[in-house]
Amino acid sequence: MFALPETVSLPLKMDEDGAIRVSGTRVTLDTLIGFYRQNETPEELHEGFPTIPLADIYAIIGYYLANESGVNAYIERRTNEADRIRQEWETRSPFPTKDELLARLDAKRRAK
């Protein structure tokens, strides 16, 4: 007789920075679900991320479908935080202009 498990463990872990990653990998939940939202099948996701067992990919997608609003809110928070950090970085460290880069290159060549 087949016995049903009392619980099924979800192959996701939160790291010290608050990012949810697929257990044993550096792949984030955001990444996997992002590709899933772009109509990647579990098999295609497994081809792209061969370190993640296909069964884990199905479990994560099942979790996403059962908790879509919560996962979407998590992804939106992460996206907003990434945008905020990028904008902050770009404000503090503006990209050099073409003229500045050429001047640096010229100074480097003269120093040799």
N, C-alpha and C. Protein backbone atom coordinates (compact mmCIF):
# COMPACT_ATOMS: atom_id res chain seq x y z
N MET A 1 0.84 -1.18 0.00
CA MET A 1 0.00 0.00 0.00
C MET A 1 0.88 1.24 0.00
N PHE A 2 0.46 2.23 -0.73
CA PHE A 2 1.18 3.49 -0.84
C PHE A 2 0.80 4.41 0.31
N ALA A 3 1.80 4.91 1.02
CA ALA A 3 1.53 5.82 2.14
C ALA A 3 1.80 7.26 1.70
N LEU A 4 0.87 8.13 1.99
CA LEU A 4 1.05 9.54 1.67
C LEU A 4 1.94 10.20 2.71
N PRO A 5 2.84 11.07 2.27
CA PRO A 5 3.67 11.78 3.24
C PRO A 5 2.83 12.78 4.02
N GLU A 6 3.18 12.99 5.27
CA GLU A 6 2.44 13.97 6.07
C GLU A 6 2.68 15.38 5.56
N THR A 7 3.91 15.64 5.16
CA THR A 7 4.24 16.95 4.60
C THR A 7 5.20 16.78 3.43
N VAL A 8 5.22 17.74 2.57
CA VAL A 8 6.17 17.77 1.47
C VAL A 8 7.03 19.00 1.70
N SER A 9 8.33 18.79 1.77
CA SER A 9 9.20 19.94 2.02
C SER A 9 9.40 20.75 0.75
N LEU A 10 9.35 22.03 0.90
CA LEU A 10 9.51 22.95 -0.22
C LEU A 10 10.99 23.25 -0.38
N PRO A 11 11.55 23.10 -1.57
CA PRO A 11 12.98 23.29 -1.77
C PRO A 11 13.37 24.76 -1.88
N LEU A 12 12.95 25.56 -0.93
CA LEU A 12 13.28 26.99 -0.90
C LEU A 12 13.84 27.35 0.46
N LYS A 13 14.81 28.25 0.45
CA LYS A 13 15.40 28.75 1.69
C LYS A 13 15.61 30.24 1.56
N MET A 14 15.44 30.97 2.66
CA MET A 14 15.71 32.39 2.66
C MET A 14 17.15 32.61 3.12
N ASP A 15 17.90 33.40 2.35
CA ASP A 15 19.29 33.66 2.74
C ASP A 15 19.36 34.83 3.72
N GLU A 16 20.58 35.16 4.13
CA GLU A 16 20.77 36.20 5.15
C GLU A 16 20.34 37.59 4.69
N ASP A 17 20.22 37.79 3.37
CA ASP A 17 19.78 39.07 2.84
C ASP A 17 18.29 39.13 2.56
N GLY A 18 17.58 38.06 2.87
CA GLY A 18 16.14 38.03 2.67
C GLY A 18 15.70 37.55 1.29
N ALA A 19 16.67 37.08 0.48
CA ALA A 19 16.32 36.54 -0.84
C ALA A 19 15.96 35.07 -0.69
N ILE A 20 14.89 34.67 -1.35
CA ILE A 20 14.48 33.26 -1.33
C ILE A 20 15.18 32.58 -2.50
N ARG A 21 15.94 31.52 -2.17
CA ARG A 21 16.69 30.78 -3.17
C ARG A 21 16.26 29.32 -3.18
N VAL A 22 16.43 28.70 -4.34
CA VAL A 22 16.17 27.28 -4.45
C VAL A 22 17.26 26.58 -3.65
N SER A 23 16.87 25.71 -2.75
CA SER A 23 17.80 25.05 -1.84
C SER A 23 18.98 24.44 -2.59
N GLY A 24 20.17 24.71 -2.06
CA GLY A 24 21.38 24.14 -2.63
C GLY A 24 21.87 24.83 -3.88
N THR A 25 21.25 25.95 -4.28
CA THR A 25 21.68 26.67 -5.49
C THR A 25 21.70 28.16 -5.18
N ARG A 26 22.19 28.92 -6.14
CA ARG A 26 22.16 30.38 -6.04
C ARG A 26 20.96 30.95 -6.79
N VAL A 27 20.14 30.10 -7.38
CA VAL A 27 18.98 30.53 -8.17
C VAL A 27 17.90 31.07 -7.24
N THR A 28 17.43 32.27 -7.53
CA THR A 28 16.39 32.87 -6.70
C THR A 28 15.00 32.47 -7.18
N LEU A 29 14.07 32.56 -6.24
CA LEU A 29 12.66 32.33 -6.57
C LEU A 29 12.23 33.31 -7.65
N ASP A 30 12.68 34.56 -7.53
CA ASP A 30 12.34 35.59 -8.52
C ASP A 30 12.71 35.15 -9.93
N THR A 31 13.91 34.62 -10.06
CA THR A 31 14.41 34.21 -11.37
C THR A 31 13.57 33.07 -11.95
N LEU A 32 13.37 32.05 -11.14
CA LEU A 32 12.63 30.89 -11.62
C LEU A 32 11.20 31.26 -12.01
N ILE A 33 10.52 32.00 -11.15
CA ILE A 33 9.14 32.40 -11.44
C ILE A 33 9.09 33.39 -12.60
N GLY A 34 10.10 34.24 -12.70
CA GLY A 34 10.16 35.18 -13.83
C GLY A 34 10.16 34.45 -15.17
N PHE A 35 10.98 33.40 -15.27
CA PHE A 35 11.01 32.62 -16.50
C PHE A 35 9.71 31.84 -16.68
N TYR A 36 9.15 31.34 -15.58
CA TYR A 36 7.87 30.63 -15.66
C TYR A 36 6.78 31.57 -16.21
N ARG A 37 6.78 32.81 -15.73
CA ARG A 37 5.80 33.80 -16.21
C ARG A 37 5.99 34.11 -17.70
N GLN A 38 7.19 33.86 -18.21
CA GLN A 38 7.46 34.08 -19.64
C GLN A 38 7.16 32.81 -20.45
N ASN A 39 6.34 31.94 -19.85
CA ASN A 39 5.85 30.72 -20.49
C ASN A 39 6.90 29.63 -20.69
N GLU A 40 7.96 29.65 -19.87
CA GLU A 40 8.91 28.54 -19.88
C GLU A 40 8.24 27.36 -19.19
N THR A 41 8.36 26.19 -19.75
CA THR A 41 7.81 24.99 -19.13
C THR A 41 8.76 24.51 -18.04
N PRO A 42 8.28 23.67 -17.12
CA PRO A 42 9.20 23.12 -16.12
C PRO A 42 10.40 22.40 -16.76
N GLU A 43 10.17 21.71 -17.85
CA GLU A 43 11.26 21.01 -18.54
C GLU A 43 12.27 22.01 -19.11
N GLU A 44 11.79 23.11 -19.67
CA GLU A 44 12.70 24.14 -20.19
C GLU A 44 13.46 24.81 -19.04
N LEU A 45 12.79 25.02 -17.92
CA LEU A 45 13.47 25.58 -16.75
C LEU A 45 14.57 24.64 -16.28
N HIS A 46 14.28 23.35 -16.29
CA HIS A 46 15.27 22.36 -15.88
C HIS A 46 16.46 22.35 -16.83
N GLU A 47 16.21 22.53 -18.11
CA GLU A 47 17.31 22.62 -19.08
C GLU A 47 18.18 23.84 -18.79
N GLY A 48 17.55 24.96 -18.45
CA GLY A 48 18.28 26.19 -18.14
C GLY A 48 18.96 26.17 -16.79
N PHE A 49 18.40 25.42 -15.87
CA PHE A 49 18.94 25.31 -14.51
C PHE A 49 19.08 23.84 -14.15
N PRO A 50 20.05 23.16 -14.76
CA PRO A 50 20.15 21.71 -14.57
C PRO A 50 20.50 21.29 -13.14
N THR A 51 20.97 22.22 -12.31
CA THR A 51 21.27 21.87 -10.92
C THR A 51 20.01 21.73 -10.08
N ILE A 52 18.88 22.17 -10.61
CA ILE A 52 17.61 22.06 -9.89
C ILE A 52 16.87 20.83 -10.40
N PRO A 53 16.60 19.86 -9.54
CA PRO A 53 15.84 18.69 -9.99
C PRO A 53 14.47 19.09 -10.54
N LEU A 54 14.04 18.40 -11.57
CA LEU A 54 12.75 18.70 -12.19
C LEU A 54 11.61 18.64 -11.17
N ALA A 55 11.66 17.68 -10.27
CA ALA A 55 10.61 17.57 -9.24
C ALA A 55 10.57 18.82 -8.37
N ASP A 56 11.74 19.42 -8.07
CA ASP A 56 11.78 20.65 -7.28
C ASP A 56 11.16 21.81 -8.05
N ILE A 57 11.41 21.85 -9.35
CA ILE A 57 10.83 22.92 -10.17
C ILE A 57 9.31 22.81 -10.15
N TYR A 58 8.80 21.60 -10.30
CA TYR A 58 7.34 21.42 -10.23
C TYR A 58 6.81 21.82 -8.85
N ALA A 59 7.53 21.47 -7.78
CA ALA A 59 7.08 21.82 -6.42
C ALA A 59 7.04 23.33 -6.25
N ILE A 60 8.05 24.03 -6.76
CA ILE A 60 8.10 25.48 -6.63
C ILE A 60 6.99 26.14 -7.43
N ILE A 61 6.75 25.66 -8.64
CA ILE A 61 5.65 26.20 -9.45
C ILE A 61 4.31 25.93 -8.77
N GLY A 62 4.15 24.74 -8.22
CA GLY A 62 2.92 24.43 -7.48
C GLY A 62 2.73 25.36 -6.30
N TYR A 63 3.81 25.63 -5.58
CA TYR A 63 3.74 26.57 -4.46
C TYR A 63 3.36 27.96 -4.96
N TYR A 64 3.97 28.37 -6.07
CA TYR A 64 3.65 29.68 -6.64
C TYR A 64 2.18 29.78 -7.01
N LEU A 65 1.66 28.75 -7.68
CA LEU A 65 0.26 28.79 -8.11
C LEU A 65 -0.70 28.78 -6.92
N ALA A 66 -0.32 28.13 -5.84
CA ALA A 66 -1.17 28.09 -4.64
C ALA A 66 -1.05 29.36 -3.81
N ASN A 67 0.03 30.13 -4.00
CA ASN A 67 0.29 31.32 -3.19
C ASN A 67 0.67 32.50 -4.07
N GLU A 68 0.01 32.61 -5.20
CA GLU A 68 0.38 33.58 -6.23
C GLU A 68 0.44 35.01 -5.72
N SER A 69 -0.55 35.44 -4.98
CA SER A 69 -0.57 36.85 -4.54
C SER A 69 0.59 37.14 -3.58
N GLY A 70 0.88 36.23 -2.67
CA GLY A 70 1.99 36.42 -1.75
C GLY A 70 3.34 36.41 -2.44
N VAL A 71 3.53 35.49 -3.36
CA VAL A 71 4.80 35.42 -4.10
C VAL A 71 4.94 36.64 -4.99
N ASN A 72 3.86 37.05 -5.64
CA ASN A 72 3.93 38.25 -6.48
C ASN A 72 4.27 39.48 -5.65
N ALA A 73 3.72 39.59 -4.46
CA ALA A 73 4.03 40.72 -3.58
C ALA A 73 5.50 40.68 -3.18
N TYR A 74 6.03 39.51 -2.87
CA TYR A 74 7.45 39.35 -2.52
C TYR A 74 8.32 39.80 -3.70
N ILE A 75 7.99 39.34 -4.91
CA ILE A 75 8.77 39.69 -6.10
C ILE A 75 8.70 41.19 -6.36
N GLU A 76 7.53 41.77 -6.18
CA GLU A 76 7.38 43.21 -6.39
C GLU A 76 8.22 44.00 -5.39
N ARG A 77 8.23 43.57 -4.12
CA ARG A 77 9.08 44.23 -3.11
C ARG A 77 10.55 44.15 -3.50
N ARG A 78 10.97 42.97 -3.94
CA ARG A 78 12.38 42.79 -4.34
C ARG A 78 12.72 43.65 -5.56
N THR A 79 11.80 43.74 -6.51
CA THR A 79 12.03 44.56 -7.70
C THR A 79 12.12 46.03 -7.31
N ASN A 80 11.22 46.49 -6.44
CA ASN A 80 11.25 47.88 -6.00
C ASN A 80 12.53 48.20 -5.25
N GLU A 81 12.97 47.28 -4.40
CA GLU A 81 14.21 47.49 -3.65
C GLU A 81 15.41 47.53 -4.60
N ALA A 82 15.44 46.66 -5.59
CA ALA A 82 16.53 46.66 -6.57
C ALA A 82 16.54 47.97 -7.36
N ASP A 83 15.37 48.46 -7.73
CA ASP A 83 15.28 49.74 -8.45
C ASP A 83 15.77 50.88 -7.57
N ARG A 84 15.39 50.86 -6.30
CA ARG A 84 15.82 51.92 -5.38
C ARG A 84 17.35 51.92 -5.22
N ILE A 85 17.92 50.74 -5.05
CA ILE A 85 19.37 50.64 -4.89
C ILE A 85 20.09 51.09 -6.16
N ARG A 86 19.56 50.68 -7.33
CA ARG A 86 20.17 51.09 -8.59
C ARG A 86 20.14 52.61 -8.75
N GLN A 87 19.00 53.21 -8.46
CA GLN A 87 18.87 54.66 -8.58
C GLN A 87 19.81 55.37 -7.60
N GLU A 88 19.89 54.86 -6.39
CA GLU A 88 20.78 55.44 -5.39
C GLU A 88 22.24 55.35 -5.86
N TRP A 89 22.61 54.20 -6.39
CA TRP A 89 23.97 54.01 -6.87
C TRP A 89 24.27 54.94 -8.05
N GLU A 90 23.35 55.03 -8.97
CA GLU A 90 23.57 55.88 -10.15
C GLU A 90 23.64 57.35 -9.76
N THR A 91 22.92 57.76 -8.72
CA THR A 91 22.96 59.14 -8.26
C THR A 91 24.31 59.45 -7.60
N ARG A 92 24.80 58.50 -6.79
CA ARG A 92 26.07 58.71 -6.10
C ARG A 92 27.25 58.54 -7.04
N SER A 93 27.16 57.66 -7.97
CA SER A 93 28.27 57.34 -8.86
C SER A 93 27.83 57.47 -10.31
N PRO A 94 27.69 58.71 -10.79
CA PRO A 94 27.22 58.86 -12.17
C PRO A 94 28.24 58.25 -13.14
N PHE A 95 27.74 57.75 -14.23
CA PHE A 95 28.59 57.16 -15.23
C PHE A 95 29.48 58.24 -15.85
N PRO A 96 30.75 57.92 -16.11
CA PRO A 96 31.62 58.92 -16.75
C PRO A 96 31.17 59.16 -18.19
N THR A 97 31.45 60.37 -18.66
CA THR A 97 31.11 60.70 -20.04
C THR A 97 32.14 60.09 -20.97
N LYS A 98 31.85 60.09 -22.24
CA LYS A 98 32.78 59.58 -23.23
C LYS A 98 34.10 60.36 -23.18
N ASP A 99 34.00 61.68 -23.04
CA ASP A 99 35.20 62.50 -22.97
C ASP A 99 36.05 62.15 -21.76
N GLU A 100 35.39 61.90 -20.61
CA GLU A 100 36.15 61.52 -19.41
C GLU A 100 36.84 60.19 -19.61
N LEU A 101 36.17 59.24 -20.22
CA LEU A 101 36.79 57.94 -20.47
C LEU A 101 37.97 58.05 -21.43
N LEU A 102 37.81 58.87 -22.48
CA LEU A 102 38.91 59.06 -23.42
C LEU A 102 40.10 59.74 -22.75
N ALA A 103 39.82 60.69 -21.87
CA ALA A 103 40.89 61.37 -21.14
C ALA A 103 41.62 60.39 -20.22
N ARG A 104 40.89 59.51 -19.56
CA ARG A 104 41.52 58.49 -18.71
C ARG A 104 42.41 57.56 -19.55
N LEU A 105 41.90 57.15 -20.70
CA LEU A 105 42.66 56.27 -21.58
C LEU A 105 43.93 56.96 -22.06
N ASP A 106 43.80 58.22 -22.44
CA ASP A 106 44.95 58.98 -22.90
C ASP A 106 45.99 59.13 -21.78
N ALA A 107 45.55 59.42 -20.57
CA ALA A 107 46.47 59.57 -19.44
C ALA A 107 47.16 58.23 -19.14
N LYS A 108 46.43 57.15 -19.25
CA LYS A 108 47.00 55.82 -19.00
C LYS A 108 48.06 55.49 -20.04
N ARG A 109 47.80 55.84 -21.30
CA ARG A 109 48.76 55.57 -22.37
C ARG A 109 50.04 56.41 -22.19
N ARG A 110 49.86 57.67 -21.77
CA ARG A 110 51.01 58.54 -21.56
C ARG A 110 51.86 58.09 -20.38
N ALA A 111 51.21 57.45 -19.39
CA ALA A 111 51.93 56.99 -18.20
C ALA A 111 52.82 55.78 -18.51
N LYS A 112 52.52 55.08 -19.58
CA LYS A 112 53.32 53.88 -19.93
C LYS A 112 54.56 54.25 -20.61
